[in-house]
Each structure stands twice: as C-alpha cells, then as structure tokens.
Amino acid sequence: MISMAVHRNLLRLRGFCMTPTERLLVYPYMANGSVASCLRERLPSQPPLDWPTRRRIALGAARGLSYLHDHCDPKIIHRDVKAANILLDEEFEAVVGDFGLAKLMDYKDTHVTTAVRQRAFDLARLANDDDVMLLDWVKALLKEKKLEMLVDPDLQNNYIDVEVESLIQVALLCTQSSPMERPKMSEVVRMLEGDGLAERWEEWQKVEVVRQEMEMDPRNHNSEWIIDSTDNLRADELSGPR
C-alpha cells in the first residue's frame, strides 16, 4: 500500500530491513520534523513558522491526500491525519506520513469518506457537544472578523487577513455535519488555490441561515428534523474526505 503511493507530498518508502528480531521500514529523513513539533516543541531560539510557510503546508498536505483519494487504484484513505503525521522536508514542504490506519477503497466509490479514530479506535464523532461548541465559536469569531482570536499568537499579526479567512472557511466546509456535504480533497485543493471557494461558501451560508432559524424556532426543539447524520452511517463514513 505504502509503495504504490508516489507523490511529492507523500512519504516515500525507500526500502526495508529484516533481521531475526526486527522489521524496519526505511523512509527519507525529514529535516524539519513534523508540523506538531514545529508548533508545540519549538525552542525559544527557533523562529516560528511564518504565514506563507503555513499556508503552503496546508496546500501540500491537501494535495497529498487528494492524490491518495483520487489517483491511487484502489483509493487510499489515511484515517489518521493530524499535525504529527504531516512531516516537513528541508524546504518545509508538507509530506503526509504514517499510513498505519490507512484503508483501501473500491475504485468505483466516487466520494471517499473515512472514520476519524482515536488511538483506542473509539469513533470520534462531530456530534460531540464540545466539537459543536468549538465550531460555533469559530463561526462567531469569523462572522465578527475577530481573526486574531483564531491565529497562532507566535505569528505576531504577520499574516494576511483575507488568506486566514479563506482557510477558516475551507475548514468549516470540511466539518459540516453531513459527510456528503463536505468537499472532496480535490475540491479542497482547488479552494486553497483560490478556485471555487466563494461559490461554495455562499451556498454554505444559505444553509447555515436556515439551520440557525430552525434551531431558534421552539416548535422544532422536540421535532426530528435535527438528526445526527452520522447515526446510520458505516464507520468509514463518519467523517468527510481526509
């Protein structure tokens, strides 16, 4: 599975080594560690990742995942995408690694979805109250244009507001309650490149207005219109393209 995925933004398997006591896989050395280490384990003497680099990392990771979803046969879903698994080479180019939880999908499937799993393999559900509250908080800050509340303070305001706003919009589109309403990774790549986000965001806003109006109507509080869309889905459909 690992060897079949060859892309600039995917960790390439170089070889393997077998001994009586060990089984080792050989990968290229990633000079700058992972996104997680750069954000959380940075030494005071090290400069933070600047905004253009962070934006390029997001796009590179999206391109890598899009390749897994759309250009591999069979399709591959990663199932463990997180900052620790986005590695950075000597040029700070994003390299998606750790396919330990990856799953093969039938090439006939047109919309790749995947379960977001914790280490104990418990299903992490977007319907969780904490997740919903967090998303509502992000939506409110975006609406109020309080972007500084959502940006790493290490950047010290050295970022472009319109680009931050665009990335937040893409993130919200990717966390919609219905998996089938979330964009494919190929769409995410295009939106990060500046193509099609405005139209998709306008559609999302219209749906969001209706949702909020329905939630505020007391007649709907006990109705069944608000249903967790994940209830009747298989495990590999609980989260949109990743």
Protein backbone atom coordinates (compact mmCIF):
# COMPACT_ATOMS: atom_id res chain seq x y z
CA MET A 1 0.00 0.00 0.00
CA ILE A 2 2.73 2.46 1.00
CA SER A 3 4.91 1.77 -2.02
CA MET A 4 2.09 2.36 -4.53
CA ALA A 5 1.58 5.99 -3.46
CA VAL A 6 4.21 8.12 -5.18
CA HIS A 7 3.69 11.87 -4.86
CA ARG A 8 5.70 14.93 -3.85
CA ASN A 9 3.57 15.37 -0.74
CA LEU A 10 3.51 11.74 0.41
CA LEU A 11 6.19 9.96 2.43
CA ARG A 12 8.01 7.63 0.04
CA LEU A 13 9.05 4.18 1.20
CA ARG A 14 12.73 3.71 0.30
CA GLY A 15 13.21 0.15 1.46
CA PHE A 16 13.04 -2.28 4.34
CA CYS A 17 15.33 -4.27 6.56
CA MET A 18 14.68 -7.62 8.19
CA THR A 19 16.67 -9.21 11.00
CA PRO A 20 15.81 -12.12 13.28
CA THR A 21 14.48 -9.63 15.83
CA GLU A 22 13.37 -6.57 13.84
CA ARG A 23 11.33 -5.48 10.85
CA LEU A 24 12.26 -1.97 9.73
CA LEU A 25 10.88 0.34 7.05
CA VAL A 26 13.24 2.93 5.57
CA TYR A 27 11.99 6.43 4.76
CA PRO A 28 13.70 9.68 3.73
CA TYR A 29 14.92 11.84 6.58
CA MET A 30 12.58 14.74 7.29
CA ALA A 31 14.92 17.55 8.31
CA ASN A 32 12.29 19.78 9.91
CA GLY A 33 10.32 17.20 11.85
CA SER A 34 6.55 17.46 11.84
CA VAL A 35 4.03 20.28 11.94
CA ALA A 36 3.26 19.27 15.52
CA SER A 37 6.88 19.53 16.62
CA CYS A 38 7.33 22.89 14.89
CA LEU A 39 4.23 24.31 16.59
CA ARG A 40 4.46 22.72 20.04
CA GLU A 41 8.11 21.89 20.64
CA ARG A 42 9.80 24.94 19.17
CA LEU A 43 12.81 26.19 21.09
CA PRO A 44 12.91 29.89 22.04
CA SER A 45 15.89 30.31 19.72
CA GLN A 46 13.96 28.94 16.74
CA PRO A 47 11.76 31.25 14.66
CA PRO A 48 8.10 30.23 14.31
CA LEU A 49 6.74 29.02 11.00
CA ASP A 50 5.79 32.13 9.06
CA TRP A 51 2.39 32.55 7.46
CA PRO A 52 3.38 31.79 3.83
CA THR A 53 5.02 28.56 5.01
CA ARG A 54 1.95 27.51 7.00
CA ARG A 55 -0.30 28.18 4.05
CA ARG A 56 1.98 26.20 1.75
CA ILE A 57 1.98 23.31 4.24
CA ALA A 58 -1.82 23.23 4.27
CA LEU A 59 -1.93 23.14 0.48
CA GLY A 60 0.76 20.48 0.25
CA ALA A 61 -0.99 18.23 2.75
CA ALA A 62 -4.26 18.64 0.83
CA ARG A 63 -2.53 17.71 -2.43
CA GLY A 64 -1.07 14.59 -0.86
CA LEU A 65 -4.45 13.46 0.47
CA SER A 66 -6.12 14.28 -2.82
CA TYR A 67 -3.65 12.01 -4.59
CA LEU A 68 -4.50 9.15 -2.22
CA HIS A 69 -8.23 9.66 -2.77
CA ASP A 70 -8.35 10.33 -6.49
CA HIS A 71 -5.25 8.93 -8.19
CA CYS A 72 -4.48 5.66 -6.41
CA ASP A 73 -6.16 2.45 -7.55
CA PRO A 74 -7.55 1.29 -5.24
CA LYS A 75 -8.16 4.58 -3.47
CA ILE A 76 -6.46 5.03 -0.11
CA ILE A 77 -7.92 6.85 2.87
CA HIS A 78 -5.44 7.82 5.57
CA ARG A 79 -7.70 7.79 8.66
CA ASP A 80 -5.14 9.36 11.00
CA VAL A 81 -4.47 12.83 9.62
CA LYS A 82 -3.05 15.10 12.32
CA ALA A 83 -0.23 17.59 12.80
CA ALA A 84 2.17 14.88 14.00
CA ASN A 85 1.72 12.98 10.72
CA ILE A 86 2.37 15.96 8.46
CA LEU A 87 6.16 15.88 8.10
CA LEU A 88 8.35 18.69 6.77
CA ASP A 89 11.35 18.24 4.50
CA GLU A 90 14.37 20.52 4.24
CA GLU A 91 12.30 23.07 2.29
CA PHE A 92 9.34 22.88 4.71
CA GLU A 93 7.29 21.12 2.07
CA ALA A 94 4.45 19.07 3.58
CA VAL A 95 4.89 15.30 3.40
CA VAL A 96 1.96 13.20 4.62
CA GLY A 97 3.18 10.14 6.52
CA ASP A 98 2.10 7.29 8.81
CA PHE A 99 -0.29 5.14 6.85
CA GLY A 100 -0.74 2.75 9.78
CA LEU A 101 -4.53 3.12 9.80
CA ALA A 102 -4.96 3.53 6.05
CA LYS A 103 -7.77 1.72 4.29
CA LEU A 104 -8.22 0.73 0.66
CA MET A 105 -11.43 1.78 -1.09
CA ASP A 106 -13.11 0.43 -4.20
CA TYR A 107 -12.19 2.47 -7.27
CA LYS A 108 -15.91 2.78 -8.06
CA ASP A 109 -16.54 4.86 -4.93
CA THR A 110 -16.86 8.46 -6.05
CA HIS A 111 -16.89 10.14 -2.64
CA VAL A 112 -14.15 8.99 -0.33
CA THR A 113 -15.02 9.20 3.35
CA THR A 114 -13.18 7.96 6.39
CA ALA A 115 -13.52 7.39 10.10
CA VAL A 116 -11.62 9.68 12.42
CA ARG A 117 -10.31 7.31 15.06
CA GLN A 118 -8.68 7.76 18.41
CA ARG A 119 -5.73 5.61 19.41
CA ALA A 120 -8.07 3.25 21.22
CA PHE A 121 -10.07 3.01 17.98
CA ASP A 122 -13.05 4.75 19.52
CA LEU A 123 -15.04 6.66 16.93
CA ALA A 124 -14.68 10.40 17.34
CA ARG A 125 -17.98 11.97 16.36
CA LEU A 126 -18.56 15.52 15.23
CA ALA A 127 -21.87 15.48 17.07
CA ASN A 128 -19.92 15.61 20.33
CA ASP A 129 -21.05 18.66 22.32
CA ASP A 130 -17.51 20.02 22.71
CA ASP A 131 -16.89 19.82 18.96
CA VAL A 132 -20.17 21.55 18.15
CA MET A 133 -19.47 24.32 20.65
CA LEU A 134 -15.98 24.80 19.21
CA LEU A 135 -17.31 25.09 15.67
CA ASP A 136 -19.98 27.57 16.77
CA TRP A 137 -17.27 29.62 18.49
CA VAL A 138 -15.18 29.65 15.31
CA LYS A 139 -18.20 30.63 13.21
CA ALA A 140 -18.98 33.52 15.56
CA LEU A 141 -15.42 34.84 15.50
CA LEU A 142 -15.30 34.60 11.72
CA LYS A 143 -18.59 36.48 11.42
CA GLU A 144 -17.29 39.18 13.77
CA LYS A 145 -13.97 39.34 11.86
CA LYS A 146 -12.03 38.57 15.06
CA LEU A 147 -9.45 36.55 13.17
CA GLU A 148 -6.71 37.31 15.69
CA MET A 149 -8.54 35.04 18.14
CA LEU A 150 -8.07 32.11 15.75
CA VAL A 151 -4.47 32.67 14.71
CA ASP A 152 -1.34 31.44 16.46
CA PRO A 153 -0.05 34.38 18.55
CA ASP A 154 3.50 33.39 17.60
CA LEU A 155 2.81 34.97 14.21
CA GLN A 156 2.54 38.36 15.93
CA ASN A 157 -0.04 39.60 13.41
CA ASN A 158 2.27 38.80 10.49
CA TYR A 159 -0.36 37.24 8.27
CA ILE A 160 -2.79 38.22 5.54
CA ASP A 161 -6.34 38.55 6.85
CA VAL A 162 -8.07 37.50 3.63
CA GLU A 163 -5.96 34.33 3.42
CA VAL A 164 -6.68 33.43 7.04
CA GLU A 165 -10.38 33.97 6.42
CA SER A 166 -10.25 31.72 3.35
CA LEU A 167 -8.55 28.89 5.25
CA ILE A 168 -11.10 29.12 8.06
CA GLN A 169 -13.91 28.94 5.51
CA VAL A 170 -12.39 25.82 3.97
CA ALA A 171 -12.04 24.27 7.43
CA LEU A 172 -15.70 24.93 8.22
CA LEU A 173 -16.80 23.45 4.91
CA CYS A 174 -14.80 20.32 5.77
CA THR A 175 -16.51 19.96 9.16
CA GLN A 176 -20.15 20.10 8.07
CA SER A 177 -22.38 17.69 9.96
CA SER A 178 -23.31 15.73 6.85
CA PRO A 179 -20.31 13.89 5.36
CA MET A 180 -21.77 14.06 1.85
CA GLU A 181 -21.93 17.85 2.03
CA ARG A 182 -18.23 18.16 2.73
CA PRO A 183 -15.92 18.87 -0.21
CA LYS A 184 -13.71 16.19 -1.72
CA MET A 185 -9.99 16.68 -1.19
CA SER A 186 -9.63 17.59 -4.86
CA GLU A 187 -12.10 20.42 -4.22
CA VAL A 188 -10.20 21.43 -1.10
CA VAL A 189 -7.03 21.74 -3.16
CA ARG A 190 -8.77 23.96 -5.70
CA MET A 191 -10.27 26.14 -2.97
CA LEU A 192 -6.89 26.54 -1.27
CA GLU A 193 -5.53 27.57 -4.66
CA GLY A 194 -8.26 30.22 -4.86
CA ASP A 195 -10.70 28.49 -7.20
CA GLY A 196 -14.36 27.99 -6.29
CA LEU A 197 -14.31 28.91 -2.61
CA ALA A 198 -16.55 31.98 -2.95
CA GLU A 199 -19.36 29.99 -4.59
CA ARG A 200 -19.11 27.09 -2.16
CA TRP A 201 -19.02 29.44 0.83
CA GLU A 202 -22.09 31.32 -0.38
CA GLU A 203 -24.02 28.05 -0.60
CA TRP A 204 -22.88 27.09 2.90
CA GLN A 205 -24.02 30.44 4.33
CA LYS A 206 -27.52 29.98 2.92
CA VAL A 207 -27.80 26.54 4.51
CA GLU A 208 -26.39 27.88 7.78
CA VAL A 209 -29.01 30.63 7.93
CA VAL A 210 -31.81 28.08 7.52
CA ARG A 211 -30.26 25.82 10.15
CA GLN A 212 -29.99 28.64 12.67
CA GLU A 213 -33.56 29.76 12.05
CA MET A 214 -34.82 26.22 12.58
CA GLU A 215 -32.82 25.85 15.79
CA MET A 216 -34.23 29.10 17.16
CA ASP A 217 -37.82 28.06 16.47
CA PRO A 218 -39.13 26.45 19.69
CA ARG A 219 -41.55 24.35 17.65
CA ASN A 220 -38.59 22.41 16.27
CA HIS A 221 -36.86 21.66 19.55
CA ASN A 222 -38.72 18.41 20.03
CA SER A 223 -39.08 17.51 16.40
CA GLU A 224 -37.00 15.04 14.50
CA TRP A 225 -35.67 17.43 11.86
CA ILE A 226 -32.37 17.79 13.66
CA ILE A 227 -30.91 14.32 13.37
CA ASP A 228 -27.31 13.33 13.83
CA SER A 229 -26.42 12.50 10.26
CA THR A 230 -23.83 10.01 11.44
CA ASP A 231 -26.29 7.69 13.17
CA ASN A 232 -26.98 5.47 10.19
CA LEU A 233 -23.55 5.59 8.60
CA ARG A 234 -20.86 2.94 8.50
CA ALA A 235 -17.68 3.59 10.44
CA ASP A 236 -15.79 4.64 7.32
CA GLU A 237 -18.43 7.28 6.52
CA LEU A 238 -18.34 9.19 9.81
CA SER A 239 -16.01 11.90 8.62
CA GLY A 240 -15.63 13.62 5.30
CA PRO A 241 -12.63 13.43 2.98
CA ARG A 242 -9.36 13.15 4.90
